[in-house]
Amino acid sequence: MNHHKIAAAPISWGVCEVPGWGYQMARERVLAEMGELGFTATEFGPEGFLPEDPAEKAELLARHGLKAVGGFVPVVLHDPEADPLPIIERELEGYRSAGAGTLVLSAATGVDGYDAERPVLDERGWETLLGTVDRVVALAAEAGVAVALHPHVGTMVETQAELDRVLAGSEVPICFDTGHMFIGGIDPAAFARDHADRVSHVHLKDVKLDRARQVQEGERSYYGAVVEGMYQPLGEGDVDIRGIVRSLRAAGYEGWFTLEQDNVVGSEPAAGEGPREEARRSVEYLRGILEEAR
């Protein structure tokens, strides 16, 4: 049952790097629930979720039957005065020791949270961003780590036009995220059909389109929409998850499918309840699709 490359993500349990993002569940409970659901790997989650020391990190994950996939690293890529490579270098040290192979890069705005006004880039800003991305890819490659750039709400690469500039102006592979792409106005099903060759990592989340449109149109904050259930277990929202997974598999995608349903937890859930239940429904749905697509 576990031969498919399905990974968990701490944000599915409400564990997030954004200040004030709901109740943060203890790492032991989150990792134990991942293991109980048959996950064989997880992304790292935000700084501080897993032990800083690489050996401790690897040991803790192994105790729960989990491998490290890598994680989400938001850095400012567009500012010629701010060089993110020292941050990336530090991250890569942890990747080497934990055996993680994928660094999910996001083009941070430099402002906290995902609801702030984004800076507008001129040509020089875009040149800096694309040049820095290529330097990050080269640095990671030396460490045997692949980079996947994550188009993400509230970052410098969010919309179709911004993603097109990245596809045309750099070689960086893409982290395909069904939810963030949709909110950014990118059709995830079309992207899976047209650009599967650029996809090196996948974040699967299902989305209620009416809630996502409110975020797109600025009627509701991203955080508010997450609290109100914009993201749903796979197969329970409006994204064609089955069609997308089949397109990627047909194109030869062999990387990880990370179940990443952004969640905000209000308080400590009762045993067996809360995020675990939604993650169970998602992973069962995805396993079913992957069995069909073999």
Protein backbone atom coordinates (compact mmCIF):
# COMPACT_ATOMS: atom_id res chain seq x y z
CA MET A 1 0.00 0.00 0.00
CA ASN A 2 2.91 2.34 0.65
CA HIS A 3 4.79 1.98 -2.64
CA HIS A 4 3.39 5.27 -3.94
CA LYS A 5 5.41 8.37 -3.17
CA ILE A 6 2.87 10.11 -0.93
CA ALA A 7 4.20 12.56 1.65
CA ALA A 8 2.53 14.45 4.49
CA ALA A 9 2.97 18.14 5.32
CA PRO A 10 2.79 19.67 8.81
CA ILE A 11 0.49 22.47 7.56
CA SER A 12 -2.23 19.82 7.08
CA TRP A 13 -2.11 19.70 10.89
CA GLY A 14 -2.16 23.52 11.13
CA VAL A 15 1.59 23.85 11.76
CA CYS A 16 2.67 27.00 9.89
CA GLU A 17 5.44 29.62 9.78
CA VAL A 18 3.02 32.57 9.70
CA PRO A 19 2.78 34.40 13.08
CA GLY A 20 -0.63 33.97 14.75
CA TRP A 21 -1.62 31.01 12.55
CA GLY A 22 -3.93 29.17 14.96
CA TYR A 23 -3.07 26.60 17.61
CA GLN A 24 0.24 24.76 16.98
CA MET A 25 -0.06 21.04 17.76
CA ALA A 26 2.91 19.25 19.34
CA ARG A 27 5.34 17.64 16.92
CA GLU A 28 5.09 14.19 18.59
CA ARG A 29 1.33 14.01 18.05
CA VAL A 30 1.53 15.28 14.47
CA LEU A 31 4.29 12.81 13.50
CA ALA A 32 2.54 9.93 15.28
CA GLU A 33 -0.69 10.62 13.36
CA MET A 34 1.22 10.78 10.06
CA GLY A 35 2.73 7.38 10.84
CA GLU A 36 -0.63 5.89 11.85
CA LEU A 37 -2.12 6.93 8.50
CA GLY A 38 0.62 5.07 6.61
CA PHE A 39 2.59 8.07 5.38
CA THR A 40 6.20 7.12 4.67
CA ALA A 41 7.57 10.66 4.35
CA THR A 42 6.92 14.25 5.35
CA GLU A 43 8.05 17.73 4.47
CA PHE A 44 9.96 19.51 7.26
CA GLY A 45 7.38 22.14 8.17
CA PRO A 46 8.37 25.55 9.53
CA GLU A 47 11.57 26.34 11.40
CA GLY A 48 11.38 24.95 14.93
CA PHE A 49 8.85 22.20 14.17
CA LEU A 50 11.56 19.54 13.84
CA PRO A 51 14.79 19.56 15.87
CA GLU A 52 17.48 21.90 14.51
CA ASP A 53 20.19 19.24 14.86
CA PRO A 54 20.19 17.14 11.65
CA ALA A 55 20.94 13.82 13.40
CA GLU A 56 18.12 14.40 15.93
CA LYS A 57 15.79 15.36 13.10
CA ALA A 58 16.55 12.18 11.16
CA GLU A 59 16.24 10.03 14.29
CA LEU A 60 12.87 11.54 15.27
CA LEU A 61 11.43 11.00 11.79
CA ALA A 62 12.76 7.44 11.63
CA ARG A 63 11.09 6.67 14.96
CA HIS A 64 7.74 7.45 13.30
CA GLY A 65 8.58 5.51 10.12
CA LEU A 66 9.04 8.72 8.11
CA LYS A 67 11.64 9.95 5.66
CA ALA A 68 12.39 13.63 5.06
CA VAL A 69 11.30 14.92 1.67
CA GLY A 70 12.50 18.50 2.08
CA GLY A 71 10.55 21.62 2.83
CA PHE A 72 9.21 25.04 2.01
CA VAL A 73 11.85 27.78 2.04
CA PRO A 74 10.55 31.34 1.51
CA VAL A 75 13.35 33.80 0.69
CA VAL A 76 13.54 37.21 -0.98
CA LEU A 77 14.86 36.60 -4.50
CA HIS A 78 14.22 39.96 -6.19
CA ASP A 79 16.25 42.39 -4.05
CA PRO A 80 19.81 43.02 -5.34
CA GLU A 81 20.78 44.16 -1.81
CA ALA A 82 19.65 40.92 -0.12
CA ASP A 83 21.52 37.74 -1.04
CA PRO A 84 19.54 34.65 0.02
CA LEU A 85 22.34 32.18 -0.76
CA PRO A 86 23.72 32.06 2.81
CA ILE A 87 20.19 31.12 4.04
CA ILE A 88 19.93 28.44 1.34
CA GLU A 89 23.41 27.13 2.22
CA ARG A 90 22.34 26.69 5.87
CA GLU A 91 19.14 24.90 4.79
CA LEU A 92 21.11 22.56 2.55
CA GLU A 93 23.31 21.41 5.44
CA GLY A 94 20.18 20.08 7.15
CA TYR A 95 19.00 18.47 3.91
CA ARG A 96 22.25 16.60 3.44
CA SER A 97 22.16 15.06 6.90
CA ALA A 98 18.43 14.25 6.84
CA GLY A 99 18.65 12.74 3.33
CA ALA A 100 16.05 15.16 1.94
CA GLY A 101 16.09 15.71 -1.82
CA THR A 102 13.72 18.59 -2.63
CA LEU A 103 13.94 22.25 -1.63
CA VAL A 104 10.60 23.96 -2.27
CA LEU A 105 11.57 27.56 -2.97
CA SER A 106 9.21 30.49 -2.72
CA ALA A 107 9.83 34.05 -3.87
CA ALA A 108 8.98 35.90 -0.66
CA THR A 109 7.89 39.54 -0.83
CA GLY A 110 9.88 40.49 2.26
CA VAL A 111 6.62 41.33 4.09
CA ASP A 112 5.10 39.04 6.79
CA GLY A 113 2.02 36.98 5.95
CA TYR A 114 0.28 36.34 2.63
CA ASP A 115 -2.26 39.15 2.72
CA ALA A 116 0.04 42.17 2.44
CA GLU A 117 0.43 44.34 -0.67
CA ARG A 118 3.05 42.81 -2.99
CA PRO A 119 5.93 44.90 -4.36
CA VAL A 120 5.79 45.44 -8.15
CA LEU A 121 8.90 44.33 -10.01
CA ASP A 122 10.51 46.31 -12.82
CA GLU A 123 12.76 44.67 -15.42
CA ARG A 124 15.77 44.88 -13.11
CA GLY A 125 13.76 43.22 -10.32
CA TRP A 126 12.79 40.35 -12.63
CA GLU A 127 16.38 39.94 -13.85
CA THR A 128 17.53 39.77 -10.23
CA LEU A 129 14.81 37.26 -9.29
CA LEU A 130 15.48 34.93 -12.23
CA GLY A 131 19.26 35.20 -11.84
CA THR A 132 19.02 34.44 -8.11
CA VAL A 133 16.76 31.44 -8.78
CA ASP A 134 19.37 30.01 -11.16
CA ARG A 135 22.10 30.53 -8.54
CA VAL A 136 19.98 28.73 -5.91
CA VAL A 137 19.40 25.82 -8.32
CA ALA A 138 23.16 25.53 -9.00
CA LEU A 139 24.06 25.70 -5.30
CA ALA A 140 21.47 23.03 -4.40
CA ALA A 141 22.60 20.78 -7.27
CA GLU A 142 26.11 20.69 -5.75
CA ALA A 143 24.49 19.25 -2.61
CA GLY A 144 22.47 16.73 -4.63
CA VAL A 145 19.21 18.57 -3.87
CA ALA A 146 16.59 19.51 -6.46
CA VAL A 147 14.85 22.90 -6.29
CA ALA A 148 11.15 23.33 -7.08
CA LEU A 149 9.87 26.92 -7.33
CA HIS A 150 6.45 27.21 -5.70
CA PRO A 151 4.01 29.69 -7.27
CA HIS A 152 2.23 30.82 -4.09
CA VAL A 153 -0.40 33.32 -3.02
CA GLY A 154 1.14 36.51 -1.61
CA THR A 155 4.61 35.92 -3.13
CA MET A 156 6.36 37.43 -6.15
CA VAL A 157 5.31 34.46 -8.34
CA GLU A 158 1.57 34.09 -8.01
CA THR A 159 -0.19 34.83 -11.33
CA GLN A 160 -0.12 33.20 -14.76
CA ALA A 161 1.95 36.10 -16.20
CA GLU A 162 4.52 35.79 -13.38
CA LEU A 163 4.76 32.02 -13.76
CA ASP A 164 5.16 32.42 -17.54
CA ARG A 165 8.16 34.72 -16.93
CA VAL A 166 9.74 32.08 -14.71
CA LEU A 167 9.09 29.29 -17.24
CA ALA A 168 10.59 31.37 -20.07
CA GLY A 169 13.41 33.04 -18.12
CA SER A 170 14.87 30.20 -16.07
CA GLU A 171 15.29 26.44 -16.06
CA VAL A 172 13.98 25.98 -12.51
CA PRO A 173 11.52 23.10 -12.09
CA ILE A 174 8.12 23.95 -10.62
CA CYS A 175 6.33 22.81 -7.47
CA PHE A 176 2.85 22.19 -8.78
CA ASP A 177 0.33 23.28 -6.14
CA THR A 178 -3.30 22.77 -7.15
CA GLY A 179 -4.63 25.30 -4.64
CA HIS A 180 -2.19 28.19 -4.93
CA MET A 181 -2.19 27.97 -8.73
CA PHE A 182 -5.95 28.18 -8.85
CA ILE A 183 -6.09 31.20 -6.53
CA GLY A 184 -3.37 32.87 -8.62
CA GLY A 185 -5.56 32.51 -11.72
CA ILE A 186 -3.58 29.58 -13.18
CA ASP A 187 -5.64 26.61 -14.42
CA PRO A 188 -4.02 23.63 -12.65
CA ALA A 189 -5.50 21.03 -15.02
CA ALA A 190 -4.14 22.92 -18.08
CA PHE A 191 -0.75 23.32 -16.39
CA ALA A 192 -0.57 19.58 -15.70
CA ARG A 193 -1.31 18.90 -19.38
CA ASP A 194 0.98 21.56 -20.89
CA HIS A 195 3.96 21.74 -18.54
CA ALA A 196 4.24 18.33 -16.86
CA ASP A 197 7.90 18.26 -17.99
CA ARG A 198 8.66 21.23 -15.68
CA VAL A 199 6.98 19.67 -12.61
CA SER A 200 9.40 18.15 -10.09
CA HIS A 201 7.26 18.21 -6.94
CA VAL A 202 3.52 18.22 -6.27
CA HIS A 203 1.40 19.72 -3.48
CA LEU A 204 -2.16 18.43 -3.65
CA LYS A 205 -5.01 20.30 -2.04
CA ASP A 206 -8.65 20.51 -3.02
CA VAL A 207 -10.35 23.89 -3.13
CA LYS A 208 -13.83 25.35 -2.75
CA LEU A 209 -13.88 27.62 -5.77
CA ASP A 210 -16.32 30.18 -4.37
CA ARG A 211 -14.02 30.81 -1.39
CA ALA A 212 -10.94 30.96 -3.62
CA ARG A 213 -12.62 33.50 -5.90
CA GLN A 214 -13.29 35.74 -2.90
CA VAL A 215 -9.54 35.66 -2.13
CA GLN A 216 -8.72 36.33 -5.80
CA GLU A 217 -11.03 39.34 -5.81
CA GLY A 218 -9.74 40.70 -2.51
CA GLU A 219 -13.08 40.20 -0.72
CA ARG A 220 -11.60 37.87 1.87
CA SER A 221 -8.14 37.42 3.32
CA TYR A 222 -6.22 34.23 2.55
CA TYR A 223 -6.10 33.38 6.26
CA GLY A 224 -9.84 34.02 6.69
CA ALA A 225 -10.66 31.76 3.75
CA VAL A 226 -8.49 28.96 5.17
CA VAL A 227 -10.29 29.24 8.52
CA GLU A 228 -13.61 28.99 6.69
CA GLY A 229 -12.67 25.80 4.85
CA MET A 230 -11.42 27.01 1.46
CA TYR A 231 -9.25 23.86 1.41
CA GLN A 232 -11.01 20.52 1.54
CA PRO A 233 -9.88 16.89 1.73
CA LEU A 234 -9.00 15.56 -1.73
CA GLY A 235 -12.06 14.69 -3.78
CA GLU A 236 -14.36 16.90 -1.68
CA GLY A 237 -13.70 20.27 -3.36
CA ASP A 238 -13.92 21.62 -6.91
CA VAL A 239 -10.47 20.82 -8.35
CA ASP A 240 -10.17 17.88 -10.78
CA ILE A 241 -7.60 16.08 -8.63
CA ARG A 242 -8.15 12.76 -10.43
CA GLY A 243 -7.59 14.31 -13.89
CA ILE A 244 -4.48 16.20 -12.71
CA VAL A 245 -2.85 13.16 -11.10
CA ARG A 246 -3.59 11.08 -14.20
CA SER A 247 -2.09 13.75 -16.52
CA LEU A 248 1.08 13.90 -14.44
CA ARG A 249 1.44 10.12 -14.25
CA ALA A 250 0.78 9.77 -17.99
CA ALA A 251 3.57 12.31 -18.64
CA GLY A 252 5.95 10.18 -16.58
CA TYR A 253 5.94 12.13 -13.29
CA GLU A 254 7.63 9.99 -10.63
CA GLY A 255 8.17 12.51 -7.82
CA TRP A 256 6.37 13.00 -4.54
CA PHE A 257 2.70 13.81 -4.12
CA THR A 258 2.56 15.84 -0.91
CA LEU A 259 -0.85 16.12 0.72
CA GLU A 260 -0.90 19.70 1.84
CA GLN A 261 -4.31 20.89 2.96
CA ASP A 262 -3.59 24.25 4.62
CA ASN A 263 -5.42 24.11 7.93
CA VAL A 264 -5.92 26.35 10.94
CA VAL A 265 -6.52 24.46 14.20
CA GLY A 266 -8.45 26.27 16.96
CA SER A 267 -7.41 24.15 19.95
CA GLU A 268 -6.04 20.69 20.83
CA PRO A 269 -8.33 18.19 19.01
CA ALA A 270 -9.73 15.13 20.80
CA ALA A 271 -7.95 11.83 20.00
CA GLY A 272 -8.66 10.66 16.45
CA GLU A 273 -10.39 13.92 15.55
CA GLY A 274 -9.31 17.14 13.88
CA PRO A 275 -6.78 17.26 11.04
CA ARG A 276 -6.03 13.53 11.24
CA GLU A 277 -9.51 12.66 10.01
CA GLU A 278 -9.28 14.99 6.98
CA ALA A 279 -5.77 13.71 6.16
CA ARG A 280 -7.12 10.13 6.30
CA ARG A 281 -9.85 10.93 3.75
CA SER A 282 -7.32 12.64 1.46
CA VAL A 283 -4.73 9.88 1.55
CA GLU A 284 -7.32 7.17 0.92
CA TYR A 285 -8.69 9.12 -2.06
CA LEU A 286 -5.20 9.65 -3.51
CA ARG A 287 -4.17 6.02 -3.05
CA GLY A 288 -7.29 5.02 -4.96
CA ILE A 289 -6.43 7.29 -7.91
CA LEU A 290 -2.81 6.15 -8.01
CA GLU A 291 -3.92 2.50 -8.07
CA GLU A 292 -6.21 3.29 -11.04
CA ALA A 293 -3.43 5.17 -12.86
CA ARG A 294 -0.84 2.35 -12.63
